[in-house]
């Protein structure tokens, strides 16, 4: 039994779903439910990471800024090592150019 539902109730529920949506729509419905669940889990993980980073920043306020500044410096260093002009470009633009160079 699942949550007070017996096999007869489950069969009845599946039969009603089959009648409402039809055989052709069931795979599409299952696919969209799977995609939705995947996106929900991804958002849940991202929020958990954000909460952990927030708690960490409360304990040590300077650490987050230092890590972000170091990451930006690392991206600019890699770009300049590859001969990419870094002036006036964001990290995203530099990463795009680095990826383009690495694919060549």
PDB file of N, CA and C in Angstrom:
ATOM      1  N   UNK A   1       0.827  -1.186   0.000  1.00  0.00           N
ATOM      2  CA  UNK A   1       0.000   0.000   0.000  1.00  0.00           C
ATOM      3  C   UNK A   1       0.870   1.249   0.000  1.00  0.00           C
ATOM      4  N   UNK A   2       0.528   2.181  -0.846  1.00  0.00           N
ATOM      5  CA  UNK A   2       1.247   3.444  -0.945  1.00  0.00           C
ATOM      6  C   UNK A   2       0.351   4.528  -0.386  1.00  0.00           C
ATOM      7  N   UNK A   3       0.659   5.031   0.803  1.00  0.00           N
ATOM      8  CA  UNK A   3      -0.110   6.130   1.379  1.00  0.00           C
ATOM      9  C   UNK A   3      -1.584   5.826   1.518  1.00  0.00           C
ATOM     10  N   UNK A   4      -1.950   4.604   1.843  1.00  0.00           N
ATOM     11  CA  UNK A   4      -3.343   4.252   2.017  1.00  0.00           C
ATOM     12  C   UNK A   4      -4.041   3.843   0.731  1.00  0.00           C
ATOM     13  N   UNK A   5      -3.302   3.784  -0.372  1.00  0.00           N
ATOM     14  CA  UNK A   5      -3.891   3.365  -1.648  1.00  0.00           C
ATOM     15  C   UNK A   5      -3.521   1.910  -1.915  1.00  0.00           C
ATOM     16  N   UNK A   6      -4.518   1.122  -2.189  1.00  0.00           N
ATOM     17  CA  UNK A   6      -4.287  -0.274  -2.516  1.00  0.00           C
ATOM     18  C   UNK A   6      -4.107  -0.448  -4.013  1.00  0.00           C
ATOM     19  N   UNK A   7      -3.849  -1.661  -4.462  1.00  0.00           N
ATOM     20  CA  UNK A   7      -3.646  -1.910  -5.895  1.00  0.00           C
ATOM     21  C   UNK A   7      -4.889  -1.583  -6.728  1.00  0.00           C
ATOM     22  N   UNK A   8      -6.049  -1.812  -6.194  1.00  0.00           N
ATOM     23  CA  UNK A   8      -7.275  -1.518  -6.946  1.00  0.00           C
ATOM     24  C   UNK A   8      -7.413  -0.021  -7.193  1.00  0.00           C
ATOM     25  N   UNK A   9      -7.130   0.779  -6.165  1.00  0.00           N
ATOM     26  CA  UNK A   9      -7.227   2.233  -6.313  1.00  0.00           C
ATOM     27  C   UNK A   9      -6.199   2.756  -7.307  1.00  0.00           C
ATOM     28  N   UNK A  10      -4.983   2.201  -7.254  1.00  0.00           N
ATOM     29  CA  UNK A  10      -3.940   2.631  -8.186  1.00  0.00           C
ATOM     30  C   UNK A  10      -4.317   2.298  -9.634  1.00  0.00           C
ATOM     31  N   UNK A  11      -4.860   1.106  -9.852  1.00  0.00           N
ATOM     32  CA  UNK A  11      -5.287   0.720 -11.202  1.00  0.00           C
ATOM     33  C   UNK A  11      -6.386   1.655 -11.691  1.00  0.00           C
ATOM     34  N   UNK A  12      -7.307   2.000 -10.815  1.00  0.00           N
ATOM     35  CA  UNK A  12      -8.382   2.916 -11.172  1.00  0.00           C
ATOM     36  C   UNK A  12      -7.836   4.305 -11.518  1.00  0.00           C
ATOM     37  N   UNK A  13      -6.871   4.788 -10.754  1.00  0.00           N
ATOM     38  CA  UNK A  13      -6.266   6.098 -11.029  1.00  0.00           C
ATOM     39  C   UNK A  13      -5.558   6.086 -12.381  1.00  0.00           C
ATOM     40  N   UNK A  14      -4.774   5.017 -12.646  1.00  0.00           N
ATOM     41  CA  UNK A  14      -4.079   4.925 -13.928  1.00  0.00           C
ATOM     42  C   UNK A  14      -5.058   4.816 -15.093  1.00  0.00           C
ATOM     43  N   UNK A  15      -6.168   4.137 -14.903  1.00  0.00           N
ATOM     44  CA  UNK A  15      -7.173   4.016 -15.954  1.00  0.00           C
ATOM     45  C   UNK A  15      -7.797   5.379 -16.259  1.00  0.00           C
ATOM     46  N   UNK A  16      -8.074   6.161 -15.234  1.00  0.00           N
ATOM     47  CA  UNK A  16      -8.643   7.501 -15.435  1.00  0.00           C
ATOM     48  C   UNK A  16      -7.639   8.391 -16.162  1.00  0.00           C
ATOM     49  N   UNK A  17      -6.374   8.329 -15.768  1.00  0.00           N
ATOM     50  CA  UNK A  17      -5.332   9.119 -16.445  1.00  0.00           C
ATOM     51  C   UNK A  17      -5.235   8.703 -17.907  1.00  0.00           C
ATOM     52  N   UNK A  18      -5.288   7.404 -18.158  1.00  0.00           N
ATOM     53  CA  UNK A  18      -5.213   6.898 -19.530  1.00  0.00           C
ATOM     54  C   UNK A  18      -6.389   7.407 -20.357  1.00  0.00           C
ATOM     55  N   UNK A  19      -7.575   7.421 -19.771  1.00  0.00           N
ATOM     56  CA  UNK A  19      -8.764   7.909 -20.480  1.00  0.00           C
ATOM     57  C   UNK A  19      -8.702   9.421 -20.730  1.00  0.00           C
ATOM     58  N   UNK A  20      -8.181  10.156 -19.763  1.00  0.00           N
ATOM     59  CA  UNK A  20      -8.119  11.614 -19.902  1.00  0.00           C
ATOM     60  C   UNK A  20      -7.094  12.057 -20.943  1.00  0.00           C
ATOM     61  N   UNK A  21      -5.929  11.447 -20.916  1.00  0.00           N
ATOM     62  CA  UNK A  21      -4.849  11.918 -21.771  1.00  0.00           C
ATOM     63  C   UNK A  21      -4.653  11.079 -23.022  1.00  0.00           C
ATOM     64  N   UNK A  22      -5.066   9.871 -23.043  1.00  0.00           N
ATOM     65  CA  UNK A  22      -4.894   9.011 -24.209  1.00  0.00           C
ATOM     66  C   UNK A  22      -3.508   8.407 -24.250  1.00  0.00           C
ATOM     67  N   UNK A  23      -3.378   7.347 -25.037  1.00  0.00           N
ATOM     68  CA  UNK A  23      -2.116   6.610 -25.119  1.00  0.00           C
ATOM     69  C   UNK A  23      -1.005   7.451 -25.752  1.00  0.00           C
ATOM     70  N   UNK A  24      -1.343   8.323 -26.694  1.00  0.00           N
ATOM     71  CA  UNK A  24      -0.326   9.115 -27.386  1.00  0.00           C
ATOM     72  C   UNK A  24       0.272  10.190 -26.487  1.00  0.00           C
ATOM     73  N   UNK A  25      -0.507  10.715 -25.562  1.00  0.00           N
ATOM     74  CA  UNK A  25      -0.042  11.815 -24.714  1.00  0.00           C
ATOM     75  C   UNK A  25       0.717  11.338 -23.474  1.00  0.00           C
ATOM     76  N   UNK A  26       0.564  10.089 -23.075  1.00  0.00           N
ATOM     77  CA  UNK A  26       1.202   9.613 -21.853  1.00  0.00           C
ATOM     78  C   UNK A  26       2.731   9.708 -21.879  1.00  0.00           C
ATOM     79  N   UNK A  27       3.422   9.303 -22.954  1.00  0.00           N
ATOM     80  CA  UNK A  27       4.883   9.455 -22.958  1.00  0.00           C
ATOM     81  C   UNK A  27       5.309  10.923 -22.870  1.00  0.00           C
ATOM     82  N   UNK A  28       4.577  11.786 -23.568  1.00  0.00           N
ATOM     83  CA  UNK A  28       4.883  13.212 -23.516  1.00  0.00           C
ATOM     84  C   UNK A  28       4.670  13.758 -22.108  1.00  0.00           C
ATOM     85  N   UNK A  29       3.595  13.343 -21.458  1.00  0.00           N
ATOM     86  CA  UNK A  29       3.298  13.768 -20.095  1.00  0.00           C
ATOM     87  C   UNK A  29       4.378  13.281 -19.130  1.00  0.00           C
ATOM     88  N   UNK A  30       4.789  12.034 -19.261  1.00  0.00           N
ATOM     89  CA  UNK A  30       5.831  11.480 -18.394  1.00  0.00           C
ATOM     90  C   UNK A  30       7.157  12.200 -18.613  1.00  0.00           C
ATOM     91  N   UNK A  31       7.477  12.498 -19.870  1.00  0.00           N
ATOM     92  CA  UNK A  31       8.714  13.202 -20.192  1.00  0.00           C
ATOM     93  C   UNK A  31       8.723  14.597 -19.574  1.00  0.00           C
ATOM     94  N   UNK A  32       7.608  15.313 -19.692  1.00  0.00           N
ATOM     95  CA  UNK A  32       7.546  16.668 -19.142  1.00  0.00           C
ATOM     96  C   UNK A  32       7.596  16.632 -17.610  1.00  0.00           C
ATOM     97  N   UNK A  33       7.005  15.606 -17.000  1.00  0.00           N
ATOM     98  CA  UNK A  33       7.089  15.474 -15.541  1.00  0.00           C
ATOM     99  C   UNK A  33       8.520  15.186 -15.112  1.00  0.00           C
ATOM    100  N   UNK A  34       9.216  14.352 -15.856  1.00  0.00           N
ATOM    101  CA  UNK A  34      10.618  14.056 -15.549  1.00  0.00           C
ATOM    102  C   UNK A  34      11.489  15.284 -15.688  1.00  0.00           C
ATOM    103  N   UNK A  35      11.264  16.050 -16.745  1.00  0.00           N
ATOM    104  CA  UNK A  35      12.019  17.287 -16.944  1.00  0.00           C
ATOM    105  C   UNK A  35      11.751  18.268 -15.811  1.00  0.00           C
ATOM    106  N   UNK A  36      10.496  18.396 -15.427  1.00  0.00           N
ATOM    107  CA  UNK A  36      10.133  19.301 -14.336  1.00  0.00           C
ATOM    108  C   UNK A  36      10.782  18.882 -13.029  1.00  0.00           C
ATOM    109  N   UNK A  37      10.777  17.582 -12.755  1.00  0.00           N
ATOM    110  CA  UNK A  37      11.407  17.101 -11.523  1.00  0.00           C
ATOM    111  C   UNK A  37      12.909  17.346 -11.546  1.00  0.00           C
ATOM    112  N   UNK A  38      13.535  17.160 -12.701  1.00  0.00           N
ATOM    113  CA  UNK A  38      14.971  17.425 -12.826  1.00  0.00           C
ATOM    114  C   UNK A  38      15.292  18.888 -12.582  1.00  0.00           C
ATOM    115  N   UNK A  39      14.491  19.782 -13.159  1.00  0.00           N
ATOM    116  CA  UNK A  39      14.707  21.205 -12.951  1.00  0.00           C
ATOM    117  C   UNK A  39      14.475  21.587 -11.494  1.00  0.00           C
ATOM    118  N   UNK A  40      13.477  20.973 -10.863  1.00  0.00           N
ATOM    119  CA  UNK A  40      13.208  21.256  -9.454  1.00  0.00           C
ATOM    120  C   UNK A  40      14.379  20.827  -8.585  1.00  0.00           C
ATOM    121  N   UNK A  41      14.913  19.635  -8.833  1.00  0.00           N
ATOM    122  CA  UNK A  41      16.049  19.150  -8.046  1.00  0.00           C
ATOM    123  C   UNK A  41      17.277  20.028  -8.262  1.00  0.00           C
ATOM    124  N   UNK A  42      17.490  20.480  -9.500  1.00  0.00           N
ATOM    125  CA  UNK A  42      18.620  21.359  -9.793  1.00  0.00           C
ATOM    126  C   UNK A  42      18.472  22.676  -9.030  1.00  0.00           C
ATOM    127  N   UNK A  43      17.283  23.249  -9.042  1.00  0.00           N
ATOM    128  CA  UNK A  43      17.045  24.499  -8.324  1.00  0.00           C
ATOM    129  C   UNK A  43      17.200  24.294  -6.820  1.00  0.00           C
ATOM    130  N   UNK A  44      16.770  23.144  -6.329  1.00  0.00           N
ATOM    131  CA  UNK A  44      16.902  22.846  -4.908  1.00  0.00           C
ATOM    132  C   UNK A  44      18.373  22.764  -4.504  1.00  0.00           C
ATOM    133  N   UNK A  45      19.188  22.100  -5.317  1.00  0.00           N
ATOM    134  CA  UNK A  45      20.621  22.001  -5.025  1.00  0.00           C
ATOM    135  C   UNK A  45      21.276  23.378  -5.057  1.00  0.00           C
ATOM    136  N   UNK A  46      20.904  24.206  -6.063  1.00  0.00           N
ATOM    137  CA  UNK A  46      21.470  25.548  -6.159  1.00  0.00           C
ATOM    138  C   UNK A  46      21.104  26.386  -4.944  1.00  0.00           C
ATOM    139  N   UNK A  47      19.871  26.251  -4.473  1.00  0.00           N
ATOM    140  CA  UNK A  47      19.463  27.019  -3.298  1.00  0.00           C
ATOM    141  C   UNK A  47      20.200  26.541  -2.052  1.00  0.00           C
ATOM    142  N   UNK A  48      20.432  25.231  -1.936  1.00  0.00           N
ATOM    143  CA  UNK A  48      21.191  24.708  -0.801  1.00  0.00           C
ATOM    144  C   UNK A  48      22.618  25.234  -0.827  1.00  0.00           C
ATOM    145  N   UNK A  49      23.210  25.304  -2.009  1.00  0.00           N
ATOM    146  CA  UNK A  49      24.564  25.839  -2.138  1.00  0.00           C
ATOM    147  C   UNK A  49      24.575  27.314  -1.763  1.00  0.00           C
ATOM    148  N   UNK A  50      23.567  28.057  -2.216  1.00  0.00           N
ATOM    149  CA  UNK A  50      23.484  29.475  -1.892  1.00  0.00           C
ATOM    150  C   UNK A  50      23.346  29.702  -0.394  1.00  0.00           C
ATOM    151  N   UNK A  51      22.547  28.874   0.258  1.00  0.00           N
ATOM    152  CA  UNK A  51      22.373  28.999   1.708  1.00  0.00           C
ATOM    153  C   UNK A  51      23.692  28.717   2.413  1.00  0.00           C
ATOM    154  N   UNK A  52      24.400  27.672   1.970  1.00  0.00           N
ATOM    155  CA  UNK A  52      25.690  27.352   2.585  1.00  0.00           C
ATOM    156  C   UNK A  52      26.691  28.481   2.385  1.00  0.00           C
ATOM    157  N   UNK A  53      26.724  29.074   1.178  1.00  0.00           N
ATOM    158  CA  UNK A  53      27.626  30.191   0.920  1.00  0.00           C
ATOM    159  C   UNK A  53      27.250  31.395   1.769  1.00  0.00           C
ATOM    160  N   UNK A  54      25.950  31.638   1.935  1.00  0.00           N
ATOM    161  CA  UNK A  54      25.491  32.745   2.761  1.00  0.00           C
ATOM    162  C   UNK A  54      25.909  32.543   4.209  1.00  0.00           C
ATOM    163  N   UNK A  55      25.709  31.323   4.730  1.00  0.00           N
ATOM    164  CA  UNK A  55      26.116  31.036   6.106  1.00  0.00           C
ATOM    165  C   UNK A  55      27.620  31.180   6.274  1.00  0.00           C
ATOM    166  N   UNK A  56      28.379  30.731   5.277  1.00  0.00           N
ATOM    167  CA  UNK A  56      29.835  30.853   5.321  1.00  0.00           C
ATOM    168  C   UNK A  56      30.251  32.320   5.305  1.00  0.00           C
ATOM    169  N   UNK A  57      29.550  33.133   4.502  1.00  0.00           N
ATOM    170  CA  UNK A  57      29.897  34.556   4.440  1.00  0.00           C
ATOM    171  C   UNK A  57      29.563  35.274   5.740  1.00  0.00           C
ATOM    172  N   UNK A  58      28.546  34.787   6.464  1.00  0.00           N
ATOM    173  CA  UNK A  58      28.228  35.379   7.760  1.00  0.00           C
ATOM    174  C   UNK A  58      29.321  35.068   8.782  1.00  0.00           C
ATOM    175  N   UNK A  59      29.877  33.865   8.699  1.00  0.00           N
ATOM    176  CA  UNK A  59      30.935  33.475   9.627  1.00  0.00           C
ATOM    177  C   UNK A  59      32.248  34.175   9.301  1.00  0.00           C
ATOM    178  N   UNK A  60      32.537  34.335   8.002  1.00  0.00           N
ATOM    179  CA  UNK A  60      33.800  34.934   7.571  1.00  0.00           C
ATOM    180  C   UNK A  60      33.522  35.879   6.402  1.00  0.00           C
ATOM    181  N   UNK A  61      33.155  37.138   6.681  1.00  0.00           N
ATOM    182  CA  UNK A  61      32.708  38.056   5.625  1.00  0.00           C
ATOM    183  C   UNK A  61      33.727  38.320   4.516  1.00  0.00           C
ATOM    184  N   UNK A  62      34.996  38.334   4.800  1.00  0.00           N
ATOM    185  CA  UNK A  62      35.999  38.653   3.782  1.00  0.00           C
ATOM    186  C   UNK A  62      36.348  37.507   2.867  1.00  0.00           C
ATOM    187  N   UNK A  63      36.025  36.279   3.257  1.00  0.00           N
ATOM    188  CA  UNK A  63      36.442  35.103   2.488  1.00  0.00           C
ATOM    189  C   UNK A  63      35.780  35.039   1.124  1.00  0.00           C
ATOM    190  N   UNK A  64      34.485  35.338   1.041  1.00  0.00           N
ATOM    191  CA  UNK A  64      33.768  35.238  -0.228  1.00  0.00           C
ATOM    192  C   UNK A  64      34.308  36.244  -1.231  1.00  0.00           C
ATOM    193  N   UNK A  65      34.536  37.460  -0.787  1.00  0.00           N
ATOM    194  CA  UNK A  65      35.061  38.484  -1.694  1.00  0.00           C
ATOM    195  C   UNK A  65      36.437  38.095  -2.198  1.00  0.00           C
ATOM    196  N   UNK A  66      37.259  37.553  -1.323  1.00  0.00           N
ATOM    197  CA  UNK A  66      38.605  37.148  -1.715  1.00  0.00           C
ATOM    198  C   UNK A  66      38.552  36.030  -2.737  1.00  0.00           C
ATOM    199  N   UNK A  67      37.664  35.046  -2.546  1.00  0.00           N
ATOM    200  CA  UNK A  67      37.547  33.933  -3.489  1.00  0.00           C
ATOM    201  C   UNK A  67      37.075  34.426  -4.849  1.00  0.00           C
ATOM    202  N   UNK A  68      36.092  35.341  -4.876  1.00  0.00           N
ATOM    203  CA  UNK A  68      35.592  35.864  -6.149  1.00  0.00           C
ATOM    204  C   UNK A  68      36.674  36.677  -6.858  1.00  0.00           C
ATOM    205  N   UNK A  69      37.405  37.490  -6.116  1.00  0.00           N
ATOM    206  CA  UNK A  69      38.465  38.296  -6.710  1.00  0.00           C
ATOM    207  C   UNK A  69      39.552  37.400  -7.271  1.00  0.00           C
ATOM    208  N   UNK A  70      39.901  36.330  -6.557  1.00  0.00           N
ATOM    209  CA  UNK A  70      40.923  35.389  -7.032  1.00  0.00           C
ATOM    210  C   UNK A  70      40.442  34.688  -8.299  1.00  0.00           C
ATOM    211  N   UNK A  71      39.166  34.314  -8.349  1.00  0.00           N
ATOM    212  CA  UNK A  71      38.622  33.651  -9.531  1.00  0.00           C
ATOM    213  C   UNK A  71      38.694  34.581 -10.739  1.00  0.00           C
ATOM    214  N   UNK A  72      38.322  35.849 -10.550  1.00  0.00           N
ATOM    215  CA  UNK A  72      38.401  36.817 -11.646  1.00  0.00           C
ATOM    216  C   UNK A  72      39.837  36.976 -12.115  1.00  0.00           C
ATOM    217  N   UNK A  73      40.783  37.051 -11.169  1.00  0.00           N
ATOM    218  CA  UNK A  73      42.196  37.191 -11.519  1.00  0.00           C
ATOM    219  C   UNK A  73      42.682  35.971 -12.280  1.00  0.00           C
ATOM    220  N   UNK A  74      42.233  34.773 -11.886  1.00  0.00           N
ATOM    221  CA  UNK A  74      42.632  33.545 -12.572  1.00  0.00           C
ATOM    222  C   UNK A  74      42.137  33.535 -14.015  1.00  0.00           C
ATOM    223  N   UNK A  75      40.885  33.945 -14.234  1.00  0.00           N
ATOM    224  CA  UNK A  75      40.329  33.980 -15.593  1.00  0.00           C
ATOM    225  C   UNK A  75      41.120  34.961 -16.449  1.00  0.00           C
ATOM    226  N   UNK A  76      41.409  36.125 -15.901  1.00  0.00           N
ATOM    227  CA  UNK A  76      42.174  37.125 -16.663  1.00  0.00           C
ATOM    228  C   UNK A  76      43.588  36.630 -16.941  1.00  0.00           C
ATOM    229  N   UNK A  77      44.185  35.918 -15.984  1.00  0.00           N
ATOM    230  CA  UNK A  77      45.542  35.396 -16.171  1.00  0.00           C
ATOM    231  C   UNK A  77      45.563  34.361 -17.293  1.00  0.00           C
ATOM    232  N   UNK A  78      44.614  33.451 -17.294  1.00  0.00           N
ATOM    233  CA  UNK A  78      44.550  32.430 -18.342  1.00  0.00           C
ATOM    234  C   UNK A  78      44.341  33.089 -19.702  1.00  0.00           C
ATOM    235  N   UNK A  79      43.434  34.059 -19.751  1.00  0.00           N
ATOM    236  CA  UNK A  79      43.166  34.751 -21.013  1.00  0.00           C
ATOM    237  C   UNK A  79      44.407  35.463 -21.522  1.00  0.00           C
ATOM    238  N   UNK A  80      45.112  36.154 -20.645  1.00  0.00           N
ATOM    239  CA  UNK A  80      46.311  36.870 -21.099  1.00  0.00           C
ATOM    240  C   UNK A  80      47.406  35.898 -21.505  1.00  0.00           C
ATOM    241  N   UNK A  81      47.494  34.738 -20.843  1.00  0.00           N
ATOM    242  CA  UNK A  81      48.471  33.715 -21.242  1.00  0.00           C
ATOM    243  C   UNK A  81      48.175  33.187 -22.639  1.00  0.00           C
ATOM    244  N   UNK A  82      46.899  33.178 -23.018  1.00  0.00           N
ATOM    245  CA  UNK A  82      46.522  32.717 -24.358  1.00  0.00           C
ATOM    246  C   UNK A  82      46.596  33.832 -25.392  1.00  0.00           C
ATOM    247  N   UNK A  83      46.970  35.026 -24.961  1.00  0.00           N
ATOM    248  CA  UNK A  83      47.106  36.142 -25.889  1.00  0.00           C
ATOM    249  C   UNK A  83      45.811  36.877 -26.157  1.00  0.00           C
ATOM    250  N   UNK A  84      44.855  36.775 -25.257  1.00  0.00           N
ATOM    251  CA  UNK A  84      43.564  37.449 -25.407  1.00  0.00           C
ATOM    252  C   UNK A  84      43.637  38.783 -24.687  1.00  0.00           C
ATOM    253  N   UNK A  85      43.181  39.841 -25.359  1.00  0.00           N
ATOM    254  CA  UNK A  85      43.141  41.160 -24.742  1.00  0.00           C
ATOM    255  C   UNK A  85      42.024  41.180 -23.697  1.00  0.00           C
ATOM    256  N   UNK A  86      42.363  41.485 -22.433  1.00  0.00           N
ATOM    257  CA  UNK A  86      41.401  41.422 -21.341  1.00  0.00           C
ATOM    258  C   UNK A  86      40.794  42.767 -20.973  1.00  0.00           C
ATOM    259  N   UNK A  87      41.228  43.831 -21.577  1.00  0.00           N
ATOM    260  CA  UNK A  87      40.744  45.155 -21.170  1.00  0.00           C
ATOM    261  C   UNK A  87      39.276  45.339 -21.522  1.00  0.00           C
ATOM    262  N   UNK A  88      38.489  45.724 -20.507  1.00  0.00           N
ATOM    263  CA  UNK A  88      37.080  46.043 -20.701  1.00  0.00           C
ATOM    264  C   UNK A  88      36.183  44.850 -20.963  1.00  0.00           C
ATOM    265  N   UNK A  89      36.658  43.638 -20.696  1.00  0.00           N
ATOM    266  CA  UNK A  89      35.846  42.440 -20.949  1.00  0.00           C
ATOM    267  C   UNK A  89      35.452  41.803 -19.632  1.00  0.00           C
ATOM    268  N   UNK A  90      34.224  41.280 -19.596  1.00  0.00           N
ATOM    269  CA  UNK A  90      33.757  40.587 -18.397  1.00  0.00           C
ATOM    270  C   UNK A  90      34.329  39.176 -18.367  1.00  0.00           C
ATOM    271  N   UNK A  91      34.178  38.529 -17.207  1.00  0.00           N
ATOM    272  CA  UNK A  91      34.658  37.152 -17.078  1.00  0.00           C
ATOM    273  C   UNK A  91      33.950  36.220 -18.059  1.00  0.00           C
ATOM    274  N   UNK A  92      32.647  36.446 -18.257  1.00  0.00           N
ATOM    275  CA  UNK A  92      31.895  35.602 -19.192  1.00  0.00           C
ATOM    276  C   UNK A  92      32.421  35.750 -20.612  1.00  0.00           C
ATOM    277  N   UNK A  93      32.715  36.976 -21.018  1.00  0.00           N
ATOM    278  CA  UNK A  93      33.257  37.211 -22.365  1.00  0.00           C
ATOM    279  C   UNK A  93      34.620  36.547 -22.500  1.00  0.00           C
ATOM    280  N   UNK A  94      35.448  36.670 -21.453  1.00  0.00           N
ATOM    281  CA  UNK A  94      36.768  36.052 -21.498  1.00  0.00           C
ATOM    282  C   UNK A  94      36.662  34.534 -21.549  1.00  0.00           C
ATOM    283  N   UNK A  95      35.742  33.967 -20.762  1.00  0.00           N
ATOM    284  CA  UNK A  95      35.569  32.517 -20.790  1.00  0.00           C
ATOM    285  C   UNK A  95      35.102  32.027 -22.158  1.00  0.00           C
ATOM    286  N   UNK A  96      34.245  32.809 -22.808  1.00  0.00           N
ATOM    287  CA  UNK A  96      33.783  32.451 -24.143  1.00  0.00           C
ATOM    288  C   UNK A  96      34.948  32.441 -25.127  1.00  0.00           C
ATOM    289  N   UNK A  97      35.797  33.460 -25.036  1.00  0.00           N
ATOM    290  CA  UNK A  97      36.956  33.520 -25.933  1.00  0.00           C
ATOM    291  C   UNK A  97      37.956  32.405 -25.629  1.00  0.00           C
ATOM    292  N   UNK A  98      38.150  32.097 -24.348  1.00  0.00           N
ATOM    293  CA  UNK A  98      39.063  31.010 -23.974  1.00  0.00           C
ATOM    294  C   UNK A  98      38.548  29.683 -24.534  1.00  0.00           C
ATOM    295  N   UNK A  99      37.243  29.433 -24.388  1.00  0.00           N
ATOM    296  CA  UNK A  99      36.666  28.193 -24.930  1.00  0.00           C
ATOM    297  C   UNK A  99      36.813  28.132 -26.438  1.00  0.00           C
ATOM    298  N   UNK A 100      36.624  29.271 -27.108  1.00  0.00           N
ATOM    299  CA  UNK A 100      36.760  29.293 -28.575  1.00  0.00           C
ATOM    300  C   UNK A 100      38.196  28.962 -28.978  1.00  0.00           C
ATOM    301  N   UNK A 101      39.162  29.490 -28.244  1.00  0.00           N
ATOM    302  CA  UNK A 101      40.571  29.221 -28.571  1.00  0.00           C
ATOM    303  C   UNK A 101      40.924  27.751 -28.309  1.00  0.00           C
ATOM    304  N   UNK A 102      40.373  27.198 -27.239  1.00  0.00           N
ATOM    305  CA  UNK A 102      40.690  25.816 -26.899  1.00  0.00           C
ATOM    306  C   UNK A 102      40.079  24.831 -27.883  1.00  0.00           C
ATOM    307  N   UNK A 103      38.976  25.204 -28.509  1.00  0.00           N
ATOM    308  CA  UNK A 103      38.338  24.324 -29.488  1.00  0.00           C
ATOM    309  C   UNK A 103      39.100  24.280 -30.800  1.00  0.00           C
ATOM    310  N   UNK A 104      39.911  25.292 -31.055  1.00  0.00           N
ATOM    311  CA  UNK A 104      40.658  25.357 -32.329  1.00  0.00           C
ATOM    312  C   UNK A 104      41.779  24.377 -32.383  1.00  0.00           C
TER     313      UNK A 104
END
